[in-house]
Amino acid sequence: MPTRELALPRYEPDNIGMKSHHGMPDTEVSEAYASQQRVNNGSYAQYMKPKFGRAPIKEAGRVAYLGESSNLSLLVQDRHGTTDVVHYPLPENARGARARVNELDNVEIDILHQRGAFLLPPRALCDELVDAYFQWIAPAVPVINRIKFMRRYRDPKNPPSLLLLQAILLAGSRVCGNPQLMDTNGSTTSAAMTVYKRAKALYDANYEDDRVTIVQALILMGWYWEGPEDVTKNVFYWTRVAVIVAQGSGMHRSVEHSQLSRADKRLWKRIWWTLFTRDRSVAVALGRPTGINIEDSDVEKMSEDDFNDDDEPTGPAANQACQSEFLPDPIHVQFFLNYVKLCEIMGLVLAQQYSVASKSRRNNAIDLTHSDMALADWLQNCPREVRWEPQRHHFWSALLHANY
């Protein structure tokens, strides 16, 4: 098979060490590279424009985060004196070169077809999987605006993200008892693996460029796990990747003063605290270190209002019907609010009782008392709707109590 040589720069002995009259090495770049640099420089220049940080963010999935210590942030703050803005709308020319399907090359498209990435189950089964997801998984990971998703799911002219839909079908397949999903042993693992490969193929091909959608899908891809020996593509891996993408978009920072819409602000907060709960619970379950340092975040605490996905109260009648159909379940809301509080205590217990550093400390008895008091306070203040009682048994109170 013929090999292709890389176009590496060629150095001649007479040219090595030669300097220009400015004292810098002479360099030559291609016109394509220079053109791309001009585009990049134009993107950076956008941030230097007055009021750019106050511009409306029309696409929540295209947000640039500039942490206070970043070089570009220092330049913007020095120029405009804006110290309370860390979320900026991405300039239009900053879109990835291979972000959209029509920009994927033929090889990638062929791989996606071979993986069946564009295939979906029959509509009736698809509906059942989506319903199963929202009934049994979404309350624990409320990362999707159900009203917005179902509006697009029911609209053949404006369907939801294929990556997100495949991820939802994957998660739904883990809790759906439809016989069509089961093999001869009554297991749904084979069906889940099929959908997982489809979702993963779309992710690997950079099929989706909306960062919020990518984080949502990454969280749900953790619902497929082959076993304890799998350490490269398990729930710990996908959760950690989701955290990295979310932090890159600034989801770990407060968006209350950003130009995101009210509905997007609520959704971002739910996504971040979901990542927090996944990080803590996975660390406890697998005996792994946590990935989120809560001191790096200033996202506000959750409230019942953050579960309100009603973003178009005066929209068309069809939209209003969708909104009234998918009002948040009070039990689901209370489950997640108290699950977040419990995961905060989980982090405390992990740091004080299970961290490597804790073994060298001598105040374990004091730490244990502190953790025990925190758990007792949590149980005492747990709302009755989700407090587990044998005579009022239901799934969400039992799950919450099991974590306690």
Protein backbone atom coordinates (compact mmCIF):
# COMPACT_ATOMS: atom_id res chain seq x y z
CA MET A 1 0.00 0.00 0.00
CA PRO A 2 1.57 3.33 -1.01
CA THR A 3 2.38 5.69 1.80
CA ARG A 4 1.76 9.38 1.80
CA GLU A 5 4.50 11.68 2.97
CA LEU A 6 3.59 14.43 5.35
CA ALA A 7 4.35 17.92 4.10
CA LEU A 8 6.87 18.80 6.78
CA PRO A 9 9.05 21.90 6.58
CA ARG A 10 12.43 21.24 5.02
CA TYR A 11 15.54 22.65 6.64
CA GLU A 12 18.71 23.21 4.66
CA PRO A 13 22.06 23.41 6.50
CA ASP A 14 22.71 26.93 5.25
CA ASN A 15 19.36 28.17 6.57
CA ILE A 16 19.51 26.74 10.07
CA GLY A 17 19.89 29.46 12.64
CA MET A 18 19.34 32.29 10.15
CA LYS A 19 17.41 35.23 11.59
CA SER A 20 15.47 38.02 10.02
CA HIS A 21 16.48 41.60 10.61
CA HIS A 22 13.95 41.68 13.49
CA GLY A 23 15.86 38.96 15.30
CA MET A 24 13.15 36.36 14.69
CA PRO A 25 13.35 33.21 12.52
CA ASP A 26 12.05 33.61 8.99
CA THR A 27 8.82 31.67 8.55
CA GLU A 28 6.63 31.08 5.56
CA VAL A 29 3.01 29.98 5.83
CA SER A 30 0.55 28.87 3.21
CA GLU A 31 -2.22 31.16 2.05
CA ALA A 32 -4.81 28.75 3.49
CA TYR A 33 -3.16 28.97 6.92
CA ALA A 34 -2.91 32.73 6.72
CA SER A 35 -6.57 32.93 5.71
CA GLN A 36 -7.60 30.82 8.69
CA GLN A 37 -5.53 33.00 10.99
CA ARG A 38 -7.31 36.09 9.68
CA VAL A 39 -10.65 34.42 10.48
CA ASN A 40 -9.45 33.55 13.99
CA ASN A 41 -8.16 37.06 14.56
CA GLY A 42 -11.51 38.40 13.40
CA SER A 43 -13.23 36.21 15.99
CA TYR A 44 -10.99 37.51 18.76
CA ALA A 45 -11.59 41.06 17.61
CA GLN A 46 -15.34 40.58 18.13
CA TYR A 47 -14.77 40.30 21.88
CA MET A 48 -13.05 43.68 21.89
CA LYS A 49 -16.09 45.48 20.53
CA PRO A 50 -17.99 47.69 22.97
CA LYS A 51 -21.08 46.05 24.53
CA PHE A 52 -20.19 42.65 23.04
CA GLY A 53 -20.51 41.08 26.48
CA ARG A 54 -24.05 42.54 26.72
CA ALA A 55 -25.17 41.18 23.36
CA PRO A 56 -28.13 38.77 23.52
CA ILE A 57 -27.21 35.08 23.47
CA LYS A 58 -29.55 33.70 20.83
CA GLU A 59 -28.12 30.17 20.85
CA ALA A 60 -27.50 28.69 24.30
CA GLY A 61 -25.35 25.99 22.72
CA ARG A 62 -22.94 28.55 21.26
CA VAL A 63 -21.55 30.35 24.28
CA ALA A 64 -17.93 31.30 24.87
CA TYR A 65 -16.73 31.24 28.47
CA LEU A 66 -13.86 33.52 29.44
CA GLY A 67 -12.64 32.77 32.94
CA GLU A 68 -11.27 35.73 34.84
CA SER A 69 -7.66 34.56 34.54
CA SER A 70 -7.76 33.88 30.79
CA ASN A 71 -5.64 36.17 28.59
CA LEU A 72 -8.54 37.25 26.39
CA SER A 73 -10.72 37.97 29.41
CA LEU A 74 -8.01 40.23 30.85
CA LEU A 75 -7.89 42.17 27.58
CA VAL A 76 -11.68 42.55 27.39
CA GLN A 77 -11.98 43.62 31.02
CA ASP A 78 -9.10 46.08 30.67
CA ARG A 79 -10.73 47.66 27.63
CA HIS A 80 -14.31 47.85 28.84
CA GLY A 81 -14.05 47.52 32.61
CA THR A 82 -16.64 44.72 32.59
CA THR A 83 -15.83 42.34 35.43
CA ASP A 84 -19.24 40.66 35.84
CA VAL A 85 -19.47 39.05 32.39
CA VAL A 86 -17.97 35.63 31.72
CA HIS A 87 -20.43 34.29 29.12
CA TYR A 88 -20.31 35.68 25.60
CA PRO A 89 -22.14 34.76 22.38
CA LEU A 90 -19.80 32.95 20.02
CA PRO A 91 -19.16 34.97 16.86
CA GLU A 92 -20.78 33.49 13.77
CA ASN A 93 -17.41 32.92 12.07
CA ALA A 94 -16.26 30.79 15.02
CA ARG A 95 -18.23 27.74 13.94
CA GLY A 96 -16.17 24.58 13.66
CA ALA A 97 -15.06 23.70 10.16
CA ARG A 98 -16.61 20.23 10.45
CA ALA A 99 -19.51 20.96 12.72
CA ARG A 100 -22.38 20.25 10.37
CA VAL A 101 -23.39 17.14 8.48
CA ASN A 102 -22.94 18.74 5.06
CA GLU A 103 -19.31 19.41 6.00
CA LEU A 104 -18.53 15.80 6.95
CA ASP A 105 -16.47 13.97 4.38
CA ASN A 106 -17.72 10.90 2.50
CA VAL A 107 -15.77 8.48 4.68
CA GLU A 108 -17.41 9.78 7.88
CA ILE A 109 -20.86 9.73 6.28
CA ASP A 110 -20.25 6.14 5.17
CA ILE A 111 -19.18 5.14 8.69
CA LEU A 112 -22.31 6.73 10.16
CA HIS A 113 -24.48 4.80 7.71
CA GLN A 114 -22.67 1.56 8.52
CA ARG A 115 -23.19 2.18 12.22
CA GLY A 116 -26.88 2.79 11.56
CA ALA A 117 -26.56 6.22 13.14
CA PHE A 118 -29.40 7.59 11.03
CA LEU A 119 -31.76 4.70 11.85
CA LEU A 120 -34.51 4.92 14.45
CA PRO A 121 -36.85 2.26 15.88
CA PRO A 122 -40.45 2.07 14.62
CA ARG A 123 -42.39 5.12 15.75
CA ALA A 124 -44.48 3.26 18.32
CA LEU A 125 -41.38 1.79 19.98
CA CYS A 126 -39.60 5.13 19.74
CA ASP A 127 -42.52 6.79 21.55
CA GLU A 128 -42.40 4.14 24.27
CA LEU A 129 -38.66 4.60 24.80
CA VAL A 130 -39.02 8.38 25.02
CA ASP A 131 -41.87 8.03 27.53
CA ALA A 132 -39.83 5.53 29.58
CA TYR A 133 -36.91 7.96 29.65
CA PHE A 134 -38.97 10.88 30.94
CA GLN A 135 -40.79 8.69 33.48
CA TRP A 136 -37.89 6.77 35.00
CA ILE A 137 -34.63 8.59 34.18
CA ALA A 138 -35.30 12.29 33.63
CA PRO A 139 -36.31 12.91 37.28
CA ALA A 140 -32.79 11.86 38.33
CA VAL A 141 -31.09 13.72 35.47
CA PRO A 142 -33.39 16.66 34.59
CA VAL A 143 -31.14 17.94 31.82
CA ILE A 144 -33.69 18.29 29.01
CA ASN A 145 -36.42 20.89 28.54
CA ARG A 146 -39.23 18.40 28.02
CA ILE A 147 -41.66 20.89 26.53
CA LYS A 148 -39.15 22.09 23.94
CA PHE A 149 -37.98 18.55 23.14
CA MET A 150 -41.48 17.08 22.74
CA ARG A 151 -42.55 20.03 20.59
CA ARG A 152 -39.77 19.19 18.14
CA TYR A 153 -40.18 15.42 18.55
CA ARG A 154 -43.76 15.77 17.29
CA ASP A 155 -42.78 18.09 14.44
CA PRO A 156 -41.43 16.17 11.40
CA LYS A 157 -40.34 19.47 9.83
CA ASN A 158 -38.18 20.45 12.81
CA PRO A 159 -37.03 17.25 14.57
CA PRO A 160 -34.77 17.29 17.64
CA SER A 161 -31.03 16.69 17.52
CA LEU A 162 -30.32 13.18 16.26
CA LEU A 163 -27.47 12.75 18.74
CA LEU A 164 -29.72 13.71 21.65
CA LEU A 165 -32.57 11.50 20.42
CA GLN A 166 -30.29 8.47 20.11
CA ALA A 167 -28.94 9.14 23.62
CA ILE A 168 -32.50 9.34 24.99
CA LEU A 169 -33.39 6.07 23.25
CA LEU A 170 -30.28 4.50 24.79
CA ALA A 171 -31.23 5.57 28.31
CA GLY A 172 -34.87 4.65 27.71
CA SER A 173 -33.90 1.16 26.58
CA ARG A 174 -32.45 0.48 30.05
CA VAL A 175 -35.81 0.98 31.75
CA CYS A 176 -38.30 -0.09 29.06
CA GLY A 177 -39.80 -3.57 29.23
CA ASN A 178 -41.00 -3.83 25.64
CA PRO A 179 -40.38 -7.42 24.37
CA GLN A 180 -39.04 -6.01 21.08
CA LEU A 181 -35.94 -4.86 22.98
CA MET A 182 -35.21 -8.20 24.63
CA ASP A 183 -32.99 -11.02 23.46
CA THR A 184 -33.64 -14.73 24.08
CA ASN A 185 -32.49 -14.31 27.68
CA GLY A 186 -34.88 -11.45 28.32
CA SER A 187 -32.05 -8.89 28.44
CA THR A 188 -32.13 -5.45 26.80
CA THR A 189 -28.33 -5.15 26.77
CA SER A 190 -27.98 -5.96 23.04
CA ALA A 191 -30.56 -3.35 22.10
CA ALA A 192 -28.88 -0.79 24.34
CA MET A 193 -25.49 -1.56 22.78
CA THR A 194 -26.92 -1.01 19.29
CA VAL A 195 -28.27 2.43 20.18
CA TYR A 196 -25.10 3.25 22.11
CA LYS A 197 -22.95 2.60 19.04
CA ARG A 198 -25.21 4.86 16.98
CA ALA A 199 -24.97 7.69 19.49
CA LYS A 200 -21.23 7.25 19.92
CA ALA A 201 -20.67 7.28 16.14
CA LEU A 202 -22.50 10.61 15.89
CA TYR A 203 -20.47 12.03 18.77
CA ASP A 204 -17.15 10.81 17.37
CA ALA A 205 -17.97 12.34 13.97
CA ASN A 206 -18.66 15.77 15.52
CA TYR A 207 -22.14 15.54 14.02
CA GLU A 208 -23.55 17.93 16.63
CA ASP A 209 -22.10 21.40 17.31
CA ASP A 210 -24.56 22.65 19.94
CA ARG A 211 -22.60 22.40 23.18
CA VAL A 212 -25.64 22.13 25.45
CA THR A 213 -26.93 19.24 23.35
CA ILE A 214 -23.52 17.56 23.48
CA VAL A 215 -23.44 17.76 27.29
CA GLN A 216 -26.97 16.38 27.52
CA ALA A 217 -26.08 13.45 25.25
CA LEU A 218 -22.81 12.72 27.06
CA ILE A 219 -24.62 12.43 30.38
CA LEU A 220 -27.10 9.92 28.92
CA MET A 221 -24.45 7.86 27.13
CA GLY A 222 -23.28 6.73 30.56
CA TRP A 223 -26.36 4.50 30.73
CA TYR A 224 -24.50 1.90 28.69
CA TRP A 225 -21.74 0.04 30.50
CA GLU A 226 -20.36 -3.36 29.58
CA GLY A 227 -18.97 -4.23 33.01
CA PRO A 228 -16.46 -3.48 35.78
CA GLU A 229 -13.49 -4.19 33.52
CA ASP A 230 -14.56 -1.44 31.11
CA VAL A 231 -12.76 1.70 32.29
CA THR A 232 -12.57 3.67 29.04
CA LYS A 233 -16.21 4.12 28.04
CA ASN A 234 -18.23 3.69 31.22
CA VAL A 235 -20.45 6.00 33.27
CA PHE A 236 -17.39 7.49 35.00
CA TYR A 237 -15.78 8.28 31.63
CA TRP A 238 -18.83 9.86 30.01
CA THR A 239 -19.70 11.86 33.13
CA ARG A 240 -16.18 13.25 33.32
CA VAL A 241 -16.22 14.18 29.60
CA ALA A 242 -19.59 15.89 30.09
CA VAL A 243 -18.15 17.91 32.98
CA ILE A 244 -15.20 19.01 30.84
CA VAL A 245 -17.45 20.17 27.99
CA ALA A 246 -19.80 21.92 30.43
CA GLN A 247 -16.95 23.76 32.15
CA GLY A 248 -15.58 24.77 28.76
CA SER A 249 -18.90 26.49 28.10
CA GLY A 250 -19.03 28.05 31.55
CA MET A 251 -21.88 25.99 32.96
CA HIS A 252 -20.11 25.93 36.32
CA ARG A 253 -20.53 29.69 36.58
CA SER A 254 -23.63 31.69 37.44
CA VAL A 255 -25.63 32.81 34.41
CA GLU A 256 -28.04 35.04 36.33
CA HIS A 257 -26.42 38.19 34.89
CA SER A 258 -25.82 36.69 31.45
CA GLN A 259 -27.86 37.38 28.33
CA LEU A 260 -29.30 33.85 28.20
CA SER A 261 -33.08 33.51 28.12
CA ARG A 262 -34.91 32.71 31.36
CA ALA A 263 -35.65 29.14 30.19
CA ASP A 264 -32.00 28.55 29.25
CA LYS A 265 -30.81 29.88 32.61
CA ARG A 266 -33.03 27.35 34.38
CA LEU A 267 -31.86 24.56 32.11
CA TRP A 268 -28.16 25.39 32.58
CA LYS A 269 -28.59 25.34 36.34
CA ARG A 270 -30.31 21.94 36.21
CA ILE A 271 -27.58 20.55 33.94
CA TRP A 272 -24.80 21.73 36.23
CA TRP A 273 -26.36 20.34 39.41
CA THR A 274 -27.11 17.10 37.57
CA LEU A 275 -23.43 16.83 36.67
CA PHE A 276 -22.62 17.48 40.32
CA THR A 277 -24.91 14.67 41.50
CA ARG A 278 -23.54 12.29 38.85
CA ASP A 279 -19.98 13.15 39.82
CA ARG A 280 -20.60 12.46 43.53
CA SER A 281 -22.76 9.36 43.13
CA VAL A 282 -20.45 7.73 40.58
CA ALA A 283 -17.45 8.45 42.81
CA VAL A 284 -19.19 6.76 45.74
CA ALA A 285 -20.40 3.79 43.69
CA LEU A 286 -17.08 3.06 41.96
CA GLY A 287 -14.64 4.28 44.58
CA ARG A 288 -13.20 6.92 42.25
CA PRO A 289 -12.09 10.49 42.99
CA THR A 290 -14.54 13.30 42.39
CA GLY A 291 -13.98 15.58 39.42
CA ILE A 292 -15.91 18.70 40.43
CA ASN A 293 -14.43 21.08 42.98
CA ILE A 294 -17.46 22.95 44.26
CA GLU A 295 -15.24 25.94 45.15
CA ASP A 296 -14.72 26.51 41.40
CA SER A 297 -18.46 27.07 40.91
CA ASP A 298 -20.79 29.90 41.80
CA VAL A 299 -23.99 28.44 40.33
CA GLU A 300 -26.92 29.27 42.59
CA LYS A 301 -28.76 26.61 44.58
CA MET A 302 -31.69 24.89 42.93
CA SER A 303 -35.28 25.93 43.54
CA GLU A 304 -38.69 24.67 42.44
CA ASP A 305 -38.89 27.46 39.88
CA ASP A 306 -35.89 26.00 38.01
CA PHE A 307 -38.07 23.10 36.83
CA ASN A 308 -40.47 25.38 34.99
CA ASP A 309 -39.81 24.83 31.25
CA ASP A 310 -42.66 27.08 30.17
CA ASP A 311 -40.67 29.37 27.86
CA GLU A 312 -43.47 30.47 25.52
CA PRO A 313 -46.59 31.05 27.63
CA THR A 314 -48.24 33.12 24.92
CA GLY A 315 -47.31 30.94 21.96
CA PRO A 316 -49.59 28.99 19.59
CA ALA A 317 -52.34 26.77 20.98
CA ALA A 318 -50.31 23.63 20.18
CA ASN A 319 -47.42 24.93 22.24
CA GLN A 320 -49.69 25.79 25.16
CA ALA A 321 -51.20 22.29 25.03
CA CYS A 322 -47.70 20.78 25.14
CA GLN A 323 -46.83 22.96 28.14
CA SER A 324 -49.92 21.94 30.10
CA GLU A 325 -49.30 18.27 29.26
CA PHE A 326 -45.77 18.24 30.64
CA LEU A 327 -45.98 20.24 33.84
CA PRO A 328 -43.27 19.22 36.35
CA ASP A 329 -44.28 16.51 38.82
CA PRO A 330 -43.92 17.90 42.38
CA ILE A 331 -42.52 14.55 43.60
CA HIS A 332 -39.87 14.56 40.87
CA VAL A 333 -38.95 18.14 41.74
CA GLN A 334 -38.60 17.39 45.46
CA PHE A 335 -36.64 14.23 44.71
CA PHE A 336 -33.98 16.09 42.76
CA LEU A 337 -33.77 19.08 45.12
CA ASN A 338 -33.12 16.76 48.06
CA TYR A 339 -30.87 14.49 46.02
CA VAL A 340 -28.60 17.48 45.35
CA LYS A 341 -28.43 18.20 49.10
CA LEU A 342 -27.63 14.56 49.78
CA CYS A 343 -24.87 14.58 47.15
CA GLU A 344 -23.31 17.59 48.86
CA ILE A 345 -23.06 15.47 52.02
CA MET A 346 -21.69 12.62 49.88
CA GLY A 347 -18.84 14.89 48.83
CA LEU A 348 -18.20 15.79 52.46
CA VAL A 349 -18.07 12.12 53.47
CA LEU A 350 -15.80 11.25 50.54
CA ALA A 351 -13.35 14.02 51.44
CA GLN A 352 -13.33 13.34 55.18
CA GLN A 353 -13.57 9.55 55.29
CA TYR A 354 -12.38 8.12 51.98
CA SER A 355 -9.80 10.48 50.54
CA VAL A 356 -6.13 9.50 50.59
CA ALA A 357 -5.28 12.60 52.62
CA SER A 358 -7.87 11.74 55.29
CA LYS A 359 -5.89 8.64 56.30
CA SER A 360 -3.06 10.79 57.62
CA ARG A 361 -5.32 13.03 59.69
CA ARG A 362 -6.13 12.25 63.31
CA ASN A 363 -9.48 14.00 63.64
CA ASN A 364 -11.52 11.28 61.95
CA ALA A 365 -13.82 10.99 64.96
CA ILE A 366 -14.70 14.68 64.72
CA ASP A 367 -15.21 14.41 60.94
CA LEU A 368 -17.42 11.36 61.41
CA THR A 369 -19.59 13.21 63.91
CA HIS A 370 -19.82 16.15 61.51
CA SER A 371 -20.92 13.90 58.64
CA ASP A 372 -23.39 12.06 60.85
CA MET A 373 -24.96 15.33 61.98
CA ALA A 374 -25.27 16.50 58.37
CA LEU A 375 -27.07 13.30 57.42
CA ALA A 376 -29.37 13.53 60.43
CA ASP A 377 -30.24 17.12 59.54
CA TRP A 378 -30.94 16.09 55.94
CA LEU A 379 -33.29 13.32 57.05
CA GLN A 380 -35.11 15.55 59.52
CA ASN A 381 -35.75 18.19 56.88
CA CYS A 382 -36.61 15.83 54.02
CA PRO A 383 -40.08 16.81 52.72
CA ARG A 384 -42.85 14.33 53.39
CA GLU A 385 -43.50 13.89 49.64
CA VAL A 386 -40.19 12.09 49.22
CA ARG A 387 -39.59 10.80 52.77
CA TRP A 388 -39.62 7.03 52.70
CA GLU A 389 -42.31 5.42 54.83
CA PRO A 390 -43.39 1.77 54.47
CA GLN A 391 -47.08 2.67 54.37
CA ARG A 392 -46.49 5.33 51.67
CA HIS A 393 -43.93 3.50 49.56
CA HIS A 394 -43.14 4.83 46.10
CA PHE A 395 -40.09 4.51 43.86
CA TRP A 396 -38.59 8.00 44.21
CA SER A 397 -38.76 8.14 47.99
CA ALA A 398 -37.24 4.63 48.13
CA LEU A 399 -34.41 5.62 45.76
CA LEU A 400 -33.67 8.74 47.78
CA HIS A 401 -33.67 6.78 51.04
CA ALA A 402 -31.40 4.11 49.50
CA ASN A 403 -28.83 6.81 48.70
CA TYR A 404 -29.17 8.14 52.25
